């Protein structure tokens, strides 16, 4: 290569902030651009002749499969995380390109580019996606799963109950005279009461159980793995006992009570629609025949 062309090639290689290097088949550095100093604290001159295991140090074993692949004539593309001399973490995309001459691999060329900004954006997008999925499946006010998640959850539990020969309990519940709380104290207080009741429900259920906010002041309890009707009653009583304790929120002092209607798979239905319809019918009857209303003071 003419001297002028060689000079221009070096100028181009040293102008970029990406890593450009060449390692011979005996794993000695034969070329390194000036970016090595910014990335690794070693000048181009210091890099020449250094062995790759000495250069990579603790990360040598991680890079070894890619080194071997390159020496076998295979292009390697992979991600690496390095700590720069100033202590900052850099995510990079590294590529090894074999230098093949007449069927013999004489070494490989290295190119590494900083993709930290891209990785940070990727992390943010992942978080946004996770948050979007949660918002789609959870109630924004109480944090409980919502009715959209119910569809997926109940189908799985029905299959589980059928295969295990156990019962699946479904209990629809709503807060008695909740409208009165809103009318007396306002919707902000009503929302606070809903959040507190949801918190009590979450604290009262077992790990296998699920409480869902269906709509407004209506909730649903799913209790899988039941062996008897008595166990279903115990689960509902446990939840009611936790909720129906004195509650103070702002100016509101009350003892909330719940009406409920329940059903059991397979005793009261063979699918989600039948079970929910039956539970709703029992809930309506329960409300019709009266329940104690919140004691508001």
C-alpha atoms as a PDB file:
ATOM      1  CA  UNK A   1       0.000   0.000   0.000  1.00  0.00           C
ATOM      2  CA  UNK A   2       1.438   3.406  -0.945  1.00  0.00           C
ATOM      3  CA  UNK A   3       2.568   5.535   1.990  1.00  0.00           C
ATOM      4  CA  UNK A   4      -0.163   8.118   1.357  1.00  0.00           C
ATOM      5  CA  UNK A   5      -2.899   5.487   1.330  1.00  0.00           C
ATOM      6  CA  UNK A   6      -1.476   3.887   4.484  1.00  0.00           C
ATOM      7  CA  UNK A   7      -1.394   7.277   6.180  1.00  0.00           C
ATOM      8  CA  UNK A   8      -5.006   7.947   5.213  1.00  0.00           C
ATOM      9  CA  UNK A   9      -6.091   4.488   6.413  1.00  0.00           C
ATOM     10  CA  UNK A  10      -4.492   5.128   9.819  1.00  0.00           C
ATOM     11  CA  UNK A  11      -6.080   8.566   9.974  1.00  0.00           C
ATOM     12  CA  UNK A  12      -9.522   7.107   9.301  1.00  0.00           C
ATOM     13  CA  UNK A  13      -9.015   4.257  11.806  1.00  0.00           C
ATOM     14  CA  UNK A  14      -7.960   6.668  14.538  1.00  0.00           C
ATOM     15  CA  UNK A  15     -10.725   9.184  13.825  1.00  0.00           C
ATOM     16  CA  UNK A  16     -13.558   6.854  14.791  1.00  0.00           C
ATOM     17  CA  UNK A  17     -14.467   6.086  18.397  1.00  0.00           C
ATOM     18  CA  UNK A  18     -15.093   2.422  17.605  1.00  0.00           C
ATOM     19  CA  UNK A  19     -12.517  -0.271  18.347  1.00  0.00           C
ATOM     20  CA  UNK A  20     -10.512  -1.436  15.318  1.00  0.00           C
ATOM     21  CA  UNK A  21      -7.816  -4.026  15.817  1.00  0.00           C
ATOM     22  CA  UNK A  22      -6.026  -7.038  14.396  1.00  0.00           C
ATOM     23  CA  UNK A  23      -4.925 -10.176  16.241  1.00  0.00           C
ATOM     24  CA  UNK A  24      -2.669 -12.744  14.612  1.00  0.00           C
ATOM     25  CA  UNK A  25      -3.247 -16.490  14.809  1.00  0.00           C
ATOM     26  CA  UNK A  26      -0.786 -16.682  17.727  1.00  0.00           C
ATOM     27  CA  UNK A  27      -3.128 -14.234  19.512  1.00  0.00           C
ATOM     28  CA  UNK A  28      -0.771 -11.256  19.528  1.00  0.00           C
ATOM     29  CA  UNK A  29      -2.030  -7.748  18.783  1.00  0.00           C
ATOM     30  CA  UNK A  30      -0.667  -6.489  15.453  1.00  0.00           C
ATOM     31  CA  UNK A  31      -2.792  -3.344  15.110  1.00  0.00           C
ATOM     32  CA  UNK A  32      -4.912  -1.211  17.406  1.00  0.00           C
ATOM     33  CA  UNK A  33      -6.465   2.160  16.706  1.00  0.00           C
ATOM     34  CA  UNK A  34      -6.454   5.053  19.154  1.00  0.00           C
ATOM     35  CA  UNK A  35      -9.925   4.142  20.510  1.00  0.00           C
ATOM     36  CA  UNK A  36      -8.277   1.417  22.625  1.00  0.00           C
ATOM     37  CA  UNK A  37      -6.881   4.119  24.884  1.00  0.00           C
ATOM     38  CA  UNK A  38     -10.316   5.629  25.530  1.00  0.00           C
ATOM     39  CA  UNK A  39     -11.937   2.211  25.985  1.00  0.00           C
ATOM     40  CA  UNK A  40      -9.203   0.316  27.827  1.00  0.00           C
ATOM     41  CA  UNK A  41      -6.589   2.863  28.877  1.00  0.00           C
ATOM     42  CA  UNK A  42      -3.914   1.449  26.560  1.00  0.00           C
ATOM     43  CA  UNK A  43      -2.389   3.414  23.704  1.00  0.00           C
ATOM     44  CA  UNK A  44      -1.947   1.965  20.225  1.00  0.00           C
ATOM     45  CA  UNK A  45       1.760   1.576  20.936  1.00  0.00           C
ATOM     46  CA  UNK A  46       1.129  -0.244  24.234  1.00  0.00           C
ATOM     47  CA  UNK A  47      -1.277  -2.608  22.506  1.00  0.00           C
ATOM     48  CA  UNK A  48       1.213  -3.839  19.905  1.00  0.00           C
ATOM     49  CA  UNK A  49       2.561  -7.284  20.759  1.00  0.00           C
ATOM     50  CA  UNK A  50       0.328  -7.791  23.801  1.00  0.00           C
ATOM     51  CA  UNK A  51      -1.254 -11.239  24.080  1.00  0.00           C
ATOM     52  CA  UNK A  52      -5.020 -11.402  23.995  1.00  0.00           C
ATOM     53  CA  UNK A  53      -5.296 -13.277  27.300  1.00  0.00           C
ATOM     54  CA  UNK A  54      -3.195 -10.610  29.034  1.00  0.00           C
ATOM     55  CA  UNK A  55      -5.263  -7.872  27.407  1.00  0.00           C
ATOM     56  CA  UNK A  56      -8.684  -9.312  28.214  1.00  0.00           C
ATOM     57  CA  UNK A  57      -7.777 -10.515  31.699  1.00  0.00           C
ATOM     58  CA  UNK A  58     -10.800 -11.863  33.584  1.00  0.00           C
ATOM     59  CA  UNK A  59     -13.018 -11.659  30.485  1.00  0.00           C
ATOM     60  CA  UNK A  60     -10.693 -13.850  28.419  1.00  0.00           C
ATOM     61  CA  UNK A  61     -12.577 -17.062  29.233  1.00  0.00           C
ATOM     62  CA  UNK A  62     -15.863 -15.444  28.190  1.00  0.00           C
ATOM     63  CA  UNK A  63     -14.366 -14.370  24.879  1.00  0.00           C
ATOM     64  CA  UNK A  64     -12.533 -17.635  24.217  1.00  0.00           C
ATOM     65  CA  UNK A  65     -15.408 -19.360  22.327  1.00  0.00           C
ATOM     66  CA  UNK A  66     -15.576 -16.377  19.954  1.00  0.00           C
ATOM     67  CA  UNK A  67     -11.788 -16.315  19.542  1.00  0.00           C
ATOM     68  CA  UNK A  68     -11.781 -20.002  18.647  1.00  0.00           C
ATOM     69  CA  UNK A  69     -14.676 -19.477  16.260  1.00  0.00           C
ATOM     70  CA  UNK A  70     -12.816 -16.692  14.464  1.00  0.00           C
ATOM     71  CA  UNK A  71      -9.658 -18.823  14.196  1.00  0.00           C
ATOM     72  CA  UNK A  72     -11.839 -21.534  12.658  1.00  0.00           C
ATOM     73  CA  UNK A  73     -12.832 -19.069   9.950  1.00  0.00           C
ATOM     74  CA  UNK A  74     -16.255 -18.165  11.337  1.00  0.00           C
ATOM     75  CA  UNK A  75     -17.435 -14.561  11.749  1.00  0.00           C
ATOM     76  CA  UNK A  76     -18.317 -13.816  15.367  1.00  0.00           C
ATOM     77  CA  UNK A  77     -20.819 -11.166  16.490  1.00  0.00           C
ATOM     78  CA  UNK A  78     -21.641 -10.812  20.171  1.00  0.00           C
ATOM     79  CA  UNK A  79     -22.358  -8.328  22.938  1.00  0.00           C
ATOM     80  CA  UNK A  80     -19.910  -7.446  25.692  1.00  0.00           C
ATOM     81  CA  UNK A  81     -19.991  -5.233  28.755  1.00  0.00           C
ATOM     82  CA  UNK A  82     -16.772  -3.500  29.746  1.00  0.00           C
ATOM     83  CA  UNK A  83     -15.743  -1.058  32.452  1.00  0.00           C
ATOM     84  CA  UNK A  84     -13.829   1.867  31.016  1.00  0.00           C
ATOM     85  CA  UNK A  85     -10.864   3.479  32.800  1.00  0.00           C
ATOM     86  CA  UNK A  86     -13.132   6.236  34.155  1.00  0.00           C
ATOM     87  CA  UNK A  87     -15.404   3.611  35.756  1.00  0.00           C
ATOM     88  CA  UNK A  88     -18.328   3.958  33.366  1.00  0.00           C
ATOM     89  CA  UNK A  89     -20.019   0.844  32.032  1.00  0.00           C
ATOM     90  CA  UNK A  90     -20.021   0.420  28.270  1.00  0.00           C
ATOM     91  CA  UNK A  91     -22.232  -1.988  26.364  1.00  0.00           C
ATOM     92  CA  UNK A  92     -20.639  -2.841  23.048  1.00  0.00           C
ATOM     93  CA  UNK A  93     -21.350  -4.948  20.003  1.00  0.00           C
ATOM     94  CA  UNK A  94     -18.157  -6.770  19.033  1.00  0.00           C
ATOM     95  CA  UNK A  95     -17.370  -8.489  15.734  1.00  0.00           C
ATOM     96  CA  UNK A  96     -14.459 -10.773  14.859  1.00  0.00           C
ATOM     97  CA  UNK A  97     -13.728 -11.151  11.133  1.00  0.00           C
ATOM     98  CA  UNK A  98     -11.339 -13.986  10.178  1.00  0.00           C
ATOM     99  CA  UNK A  99      -8.394 -13.065   7.949  1.00  0.00           C
ATOM    100  CA  UNK A 100      -8.297 -16.033   5.570  1.00  0.00           C
ATOM    101  CA  UNK A 101      -5.476 -16.312   3.043  1.00  0.00           C
ATOM    102  CA  UNK A 102      -5.529 -19.275   0.654  1.00  0.00           C
ATOM    103  CA  UNK A 103      -7.571 -21.333   3.111  1.00  0.00           C
ATOM    104  CA  UNK A 104      -5.391 -20.474   6.095  1.00  0.00           C
ATOM    105  CA  UNK A 105      -6.651 -18.267   8.925  1.00  0.00           C
ATOM    106  CA  UNK A 106      -3.818 -15.853   9.670  1.00  0.00           C
ATOM    107  CA  UNK A 107      -5.692 -13.957  12.361  1.00  0.00           C
ATOM    108  CA  UNK A 108      -8.827 -11.943  12.806  1.00  0.00           C
ATOM    109  CA  UNK A 109      -9.920  -8.311  12.686  1.00  0.00           C
ATOM    110  CA  UNK A 110     -11.831  -6.786  15.575  1.00  0.00           C
ATOM    111  CA  UNK A 111     -14.549  -4.162  15.403  1.00  0.00           C
ATOM    112  CA  UNK A 112     -16.447  -3.034  18.488  1.00  0.00           C
ATOM    113  CA  UNK A 113     -18.989  -0.235  18.670  1.00  0.00           C
ATOM    114  CA  UNK A 114     -20.508   1.405  21.751  1.00  0.00           C
ATOM    115  CA  UNK A 115     -24.221   0.542  21.928  1.00  0.00           C
ATOM    116  CA  UNK A 116     -24.787   1.828  25.472  1.00  0.00           C
ATOM    117  CA  UNK A 117     -27.412   4.367  24.388  1.00  0.00           C
ATOM    118  CA  UNK A 118     -29.227   1.687  22.420  1.00  0.00           C
ATOM    119  CA  UNK A 119     -29.173  -0.711  25.383  1.00  0.00           C
ATOM    120  CA  UNK A 120     -30.493   1.987  27.710  1.00  0.00           C
ATOM    121  CA  UNK A 121     -33.326   2.647  25.269  1.00  0.00           C
ATOM    122  CA  UNK A 122     -33.963  -1.089  25.103  1.00  0.00           C
ATOM    123  CA  UNK A 123     -34.175  -1.270  28.910  1.00  0.00           C
ATOM    124  CA  UNK A 124     -36.625   1.650  28.936  1.00  0.00           C
ATOM    125  CA  UNK A 125     -38.757   0.050  26.248  1.00  0.00           C
ATOM    126  CA  UNK A 126     -38.775  -3.245  28.175  1.00  0.00           C
ATOM    127  CA  UNK A 127     -39.922  -1.399  31.292  1.00  0.00           C
ATOM    128  CA  UNK A 128     -42.597   0.415  29.304  1.00  0.00           C
ATOM    129  CA  UNK A 129     -43.773  -2.856  27.803  1.00  0.00           C
ATOM    130  CA  UNK A 130     -43.916  -4.491  31.223  1.00  0.00           C
ATOM    131  CA  UNK A 131     -45.817  -1.519  32.614  1.00  0.00           C
ATOM    132  CA  UNK A 132     -48.215  -1.514  29.655  1.00  0.00           C
ATOM    133  CA  UNK A 133     -48.894  -5.220  30.140  1.00  0.00           C
ATOM    134  CA  UNK A 134     -49.561  -4.644  33.824  1.00  0.00           C
ATOM    135  CA  UNK A 135     -51.850  -1.681  33.143  1.00  0.00           C
ATOM    136  CA  UNK A 136     -53.796  -3.813  30.676  1.00  0.00           C
ATOM    137  CA  UNK A 137     -54.260  -6.639  33.166  1.00  0.00           C
ATOM    138  CA  UNK A 138     -54.451  -4.789  36.501  1.00  0.00           C
ATOM    139  CA  UNK A 139     -56.819  -2.228  37.942  1.00  0.00           C
ATOM    140  CA  UNK A 140     -55.183   1.200  38.088  1.00  0.00           C
ATOM    141  CA  UNK A 141     -56.879   2.205  41.357  1.00  0.00           C
ATOM    142  CA  UNK A 142     -56.344  -0.847  43.552  1.00  0.00           C
ATOM    143  CA  UNK A 143     -53.524  -2.670  41.776  1.00  0.00           C
ATOM    144  CA  UNK A 144     -55.599  -5.859  41.758  1.00  0.00           C
ATOM    145  CA  UNK A 145     -55.875  -8.019  38.637  1.00  0.00           C
ATOM    146  CA  UNK A 146     -58.799  -6.890  36.506  1.00  0.00           C
ATOM    147  CA  UNK A 147     -61.538  -8.731  34.615  1.00  0.00           C
ATOM    148  CA  UNK A 148     -59.357  -9.032  31.512  1.00  0.00           C
ATOM    149  CA  UNK A 149     -56.848 -11.109  33.464  1.00  0.00           C
ATOM    150  CA  UNK A 150     -59.752 -13.171  34.817  1.00  0.00           C
ATOM    151  CA  UNK A 151     -60.332 -14.753  31.400  1.00  0.00           C
ATOM    152  CA  UNK A 152     -56.815 -16.163  31.276  1.00  0.00           C
ATOM    153  CA  UNK A 153     -56.639 -17.033  34.971  1.00  0.00           C
ATOM    154  CA  UNK A 154     -59.973 -18.839  35.254  1.00  0.00           C
ATOM    155  CA  UNK A 155     -59.447 -21.039  32.185  1.00  0.00           C
ATOM    156  CA  UNK A 156     -56.168 -22.307  33.579  1.00  0.00           C
ATOM    157  CA  UNK A 157     -57.674 -22.973  37.006  1.00  0.00           C
ATOM    158  CA  UNK A 158     -60.629 -24.844  35.492  1.00  0.00           C
ATOM    159  CA  UNK A 159     -58.249 -27.139  33.603  1.00  0.00           C
ATOM    160  CA  UNK A 160     -56.218 -27.639  36.762  1.00  0.00           C
ATOM    161  CA  UNK A 161     -59.313 -28.487  38.812  1.00  0.00           C
ATOM    162  CA  UNK A 162     -60.578 -30.928  36.192  1.00  0.00           C
ATOM    163  CA  UNK A 163     -57.267 -32.788  35.978  1.00  0.00           C
ATOM    164  CA  UNK A 164     -56.760 -32.904  39.771  1.00  0.00           C
ATOM    165  CA  UNK A 165     -60.362 -33.721  40.689  1.00  0.00           C
ATOM    166  CA  UNK A 166     -60.581 -30.735  43.046  1.00  0.00           C
ATOM    167  CA  UNK A 167     -63.119 -27.935  43.333  1.00  0.00           C
ATOM    168  CA  UNK A 168     -62.678 -24.370  42.133  1.00  0.00           C
ATOM    169  CA  UNK A 169     -64.459 -21.768  44.205  1.00  0.00           C
ATOM    170  CA  UNK A 170     -65.772 -18.533  42.687  1.00  0.00           C
ATOM    171  CA  UNK A 171     -67.184 -15.781  44.881  1.00  0.00           C
ATOM    172  CA  UNK A 172     -68.559 -12.491  43.548  1.00  0.00           C
ATOM    173  CA  UNK A 173     -68.625  -9.770  46.218  1.00  0.00           C
ATOM    174  CA  UNK A 174     -69.657  -6.146  46.359  1.00  0.00           C
ATOM    175  CA  UNK A 175     -69.566  -3.526  49.072  1.00  0.00           C
ATOM    176  CA  UNK A 176     -72.942  -2.884  50.634  1.00  0.00           C
ATOM    177  CA  UNK A 177     -74.303   0.628  50.082  1.00  0.00           C
ATOM    178  CA  UNK A 178     -71.054   1.866  48.592  1.00  0.00           C
ATOM    179  CA  UNK A 179     -72.953   4.623  46.776  1.00  0.00           C
ATOM    180  CA  UNK A 180     -73.812   6.088  50.154  1.00  0.00           C
ATOM    181  CA  UNK A 181     -70.094   6.475  50.961  1.00  0.00           C
ATOM    182  CA  UNK A 182     -69.527   8.359  47.700  1.00  0.00           C
ATOM    183  CA  UNK A 183     -72.569  10.558  48.235  1.00  0.00           C
ATOM    184  CA  UNK A 184     -71.680  11.351  51.843  1.00  0.00           C
ATOM    185  CA  UNK A 185     -67.942  11.909  51.574  1.00  0.00           C
ATOM    186  CA  UNK A 186     -67.190  12.269  47.872  1.00  0.00           C
ATOM    187  CA  UNK A 187     -65.551  10.067  45.280  1.00  0.00           C
ATOM    188  CA  UNK A 188     -62.007  10.720  46.530  1.00  0.00           C
ATOM    189  CA  UNK A 189     -62.898   9.167  49.876  1.00  0.00           C
ATOM    190  CA  UNK A 190     -64.750   6.381  48.067  1.00  0.00           C
ATOM    191  CA  UNK A 191     -61.616   5.620  46.048  1.00  0.00           C
ATOM    192  CA  UNK A 192     -59.576   5.553  49.243  1.00  0.00           C
ATOM    193  CA  UNK A 193     -62.009   3.101  50.808  1.00  0.00           C
ATOM    194  CA  UNK A 194     -61.770   0.878  47.724  1.00  0.00           C
ATOM    195  CA  UNK A 195     -57.974   0.910  47.926  1.00  0.00           C
ATOM    196  CA  UNK A 196     -58.044   0.002  51.613  1.00  0.00           C
ATOM    197  CA  UNK A 197     -60.527  -2.833  51.085  1.00  0.00           C
ATOM    198  CA  UNK A 198     -58.407  -4.145  48.211  1.00  0.00           C
ATOM    199  CA  UNK A 199     -55.328  -3.996  50.457  1.00  0.00           C
ATOM    200  CA  UNK A 200     -57.136  -6.002  53.131  1.00  0.00           C
ATOM    201  CA  UNK A 201     -58.234  -8.566  50.561  1.00  0.00           C
ATOM    202  CA  UNK A 202     -54.701  -8.993  49.222  1.00  0.00           C
ATOM    203  CA  UNK A 203     -53.451  -9.499  52.770  1.00  0.00           C
ATOM    204  CA  UNK A 204     -56.097 -12.109  53.565  1.00  0.00           C
ATOM    205  CA  UNK A 205     -55.814 -14.468  50.604  1.00  0.00           C
ATOM    206  CA  UNK A 206     -53.534 -17.475  50.326  1.00  0.00           C
ATOM    207  CA  UNK A 207     -50.784 -17.589  47.663  1.00  0.00           C
ATOM    208  CA  UNK A 208     -52.867 -19.859  45.423  1.00  0.00           C
ATOM    209  CA  UNK A 209     -55.920 -17.583  45.568  1.00  0.00           C
ATOM    210  CA  UNK A 210     -56.655 -14.574  43.392  1.00  0.00           C
ATOM    211  CA  UNK A 211     -58.735 -11.481  44.124  1.00  0.00           C
ATOM    212  CA  UNK A 212     -59.912  -9.533  41.084  1.00  0.00           C
ATOM    213  CA  UNK A 213     -61.594  -6.154  40.878  1.00  0.00           C
ATOM    214  CA  UNK A 214     -64.390  -6.698  38.401  1.00  0.00           C
ATOM    215  CA  UNK A 215     -65.875  -3.211  38.219  1.00  0.00           C
ATOM    216  CA  UNK A 216     -66.823  -0.388  40.548  1.00  0.00           C
ATOM    217  CA  UNK A 217     -67.190  -1.911  44.018  1.00  0.00           C
ATOM    218  CA  UNK A 218     -67.463  -5.516  42.772  1.00  0.00           C
ATOM    219  CA  UNK A 219     -64.702  -8.039  43.442  1.00  0.00           C
ATOM    220  CA  UNK A 220     -64.196 -11.705  42.690  1.00  0.00           C
ATOM    221  CA  UNK A 221     -62.344 -14.383  44.644  1.00  0.00           C
ATOM    222  CA  UNK A 222     -60.915 -17.459  42.927  1.00  0.00           C
ATOM    223  CA  UNK A 223     -60.033 -20.311  45.276  1.00  0.00           C
ATOM    224  CA  UNK A 224     -58.493 -23.386  43.597  1.00  0.00           C
ATOM    225  CA  UNK A 225     -57.645 -26.785  45.038  1.00  0.00           C
ATOM    226  CA  UNK A 226     -60.688 -27.117  47.296  1.00  0.00           C
ATOM    227  CA  UNK A 227     -61.642 -30.535  48.625  1.00  0.00           C
ATOM    228  CA  UNK A 228     -65.080 -29.696  50.011  1.00  0.00           C
ATOM    229  CA  UNK A 229     -67.840 -27.100  50.167  1.00  0.00           C
ATOM    230  CA  UNK A 230     -66.773 -26.373  53.741  1.00  0.00           C
ATOM    231  CA  UNK A 231     -63.304 -25.296  52.543  1.00  0.00           C
ATOM    232  CA  UNK A 232     -64.960 -22.870  50.119  1.00  0.00           C
ATOM    233  CA  UNK A 233     -66.972 -21.348  52.966  1.00  0.00           C
ATOM    234  CA  UNK A 234     -63.851 -21.016  55.103  1.00  0.00           C
ATOM    235  CA  UNK A 235     -62.031 -19.126  52.323  1.00  0.00           C
ATOM    236  CA  UNK A 236     -64.902 -16.661  51.915  1.00  0.00           C
ATOM    237  CA  UNK A 237     -65.250 -16.188  55.677  1.00  0.00           C
ATOM    238  CA  UNK A 238     -61.545 -15.452  55.972  1.00  0.00           C
ATOM    239  CA  UNK A 239     -61.815 -12.704  53.371  1.00  0.00           C
ATOM    240  CA  UNK A 240     -64.989 -11.214  54.849  1.00  0.00           C
ATOM    241  CA  UNK A 241     -63.457 -11.173  58.316  1.00  0.00           C
ATOM    242  CA  UNK A 242     -60.456  -9.202  57.078  1.00  0.00           C
ATOM    243  CA  UNK A 243     -62.570  -6.665  55.210  1.00  0.00           C
ATOM    244  CA  UNK A 244     -65.327  -6.151  57.770  1.00  0.00           C
ATOM    245  CA  UNK A 245     -63.182  -4.408  60.366  1.00  0.00           C
ATOM    246  CA  UNK A 246     -63.551  -0.747  61.404  1.00  0.00           C
ATOM    247  CA  UNK A 247     -62.158   1.543  58.741  1.00  0.00           C
ATOM    248  CA  UNK A 248     -61.097   5.167  59.067  1.00  0.00           C
ATOM    249  CA  UNK A 249     -60.344   7.110  55.889  1.00  0.00           C
ATOM    250  CA  UNK A 250     -60.291  10.871  56.054  1.00  0.00           C
ATOM    251  CA  UNK A 251     -63.656  11.979  57.441  1.00  0.00           C
ATOM    252  CA  UNK A 252     -65.187   8.555  56.890  1.00  0.00           C
ATOM    253  CA  UNK A 253     -65.467   6.113  59.774  1.00  0.00           C
ATOM    254  CA  UNK A 254     -67.284   2.920  58.876  1.00  0.00           C
ATOM    255  CA  UNK A 255     -67.458  -0.813  59.184  1.00  0.00           C
ATOM    256  CA  UNK A 256     -67.684  -2.081  55.604  1.00  0.00           C
ATOM    257  CA  UNK A 257     -69.720  -5.190  54.867  1.00  0.00           C
ATOM    258  CA  UNK A 258     -69.845  -7.299  51.734  1.00  0.00           C
ATOM    259  CA  UNK A 259     -72.587  -9.230  50.008  1.00  0.00           C
ATOM    260  CA  UNK A 260     -71.475 -12.256  48.063  1.00  0.00           C
ATOM    261  CA  UNK A 261     -72.651 -14.984  45.759  1.00  0.00           C
ATOM    262  CA  UNK A 262     -70.596 -18.079  45.156  1.00  0.00           C
ATOM    263  CA  UNK A 263     -70.399 -21.117  42.914  1.00  0.00           C
ATOM    264  CA  UNK A 264     -68.223 -24.212  42.686  1.00  0.00           C
ATOM    265  CA  UNK A 265     -66.785 -26.080  39.744  1.00  0.00           C
ATOM    266  CA  UNK A 266     -67.948 -28.675  38.821  1.00  0.00           C
ATOM    267  CA  UNK A 267     -70.935 -28.685  41.193  1.00  0.00           C
ATOM    268  CA  UNK A 268     -72.590 -25.511  39.825  1.00  0.00           C
ATOM    269  CA  UNK A 269     -71.319 -25.356  36.265  1.00  0.00           C
ATOM    270  CA  UNK A 270     -68.897 -26.788  33.753  1.00  0.00           C
ATOM    271  CA  UNK A 271     -67.430 -23.551  32.386  1.00  0.00           C
ATOM    272  CA  UNK A 272     -66.608 -20.000  33.405  1.00  0.00           C
ATOM    273  CA  UNK A 273     -69.809 -18.515  31.983  1.00  0.00           C
ATOM    274  CA  UNK A 274     -72.096 -20.878  33.913  1.00  0.00           C
ATOM    275  CA  UNK A 275     -70.156 -20.431  37.144  1.00  0.00           C
ATOM    276  CA  UNK A 276     -70.103 -16.628  36.951  1.00  0.00           C
ATOM    277  CA  UNK A 277     -73.798 -16.497  36.049  1.00  0.00           C
ATOM    278  CA  UNK A 278     -74.661 -18.672  39.023  1.00  0.00           C
ATOM    279  CA  UNK A 279     -72.505 -16.628  41.411  1.00  0.00           C
ATOM    280  CA  UNK A 280     -74.046 -13.392  40.123  1.00  0.00           C
ATOM    281  CA  UNK A 281     -77.561 -14.774  40.587  1.00  0.00           C
ATOM    282  CA  UNK A 282     -76.792 -15.737  44.187  1.00  0.00           C
ATOM    283  CA  UNK A 283     -75.267 -12.289  44.792  1.00  0.00           C
ATOM    284  CA  UNK A 284     -78.422 -10.563  43.504  1.00  0.00           C
ATOM    285  CA  UNK A 285     -80.579 -12.709  45.800  1.00  0.00           C
ATOM    286  CA  UNK A 286     -78.268 -11.919  48.707  1.00  0.00           C
ATOM    287  CA  UNK A 287     -78.602  -8.187  48.086  1.00  0.00           C
ATOM    288  CA  UNK A 288     -82.376  -8.505  47.645  1.00  0.00           C
ATOM    289  CA  UNK A 289     -82.905 -10.147  51.005  1.00  0.00           C
ATOM    290  CA  UNK A 290     -80.750  -7.570  52.729  1.00  0.00           C
ATOM    291  CA  UNK A 291     -77.386  -7.203  54.352  1.00  0.00           C
ATOM    292  CA  UNK A 292     -76.087  -4.952  57.040  1.00  0.00           C
ATOM    293  CA  UNK A 293     -74.979  -1.668  55.521  1.00  0.00           C
ATOM    294  CA  UNK A 294     -71.786   0.182  56.432  1.00  0.00           C
ATOM    295  CA  UNK A 295     -72.147   1.957  59.690  1.00  0.00           C
ATOM    296  CA  UNK A 296     -71.298   5.530  58.692  1.00  0.00           C
ATOM    297  CA  UNK A 297     -70.592   8.147  61.323  1.00  0.00           C
END
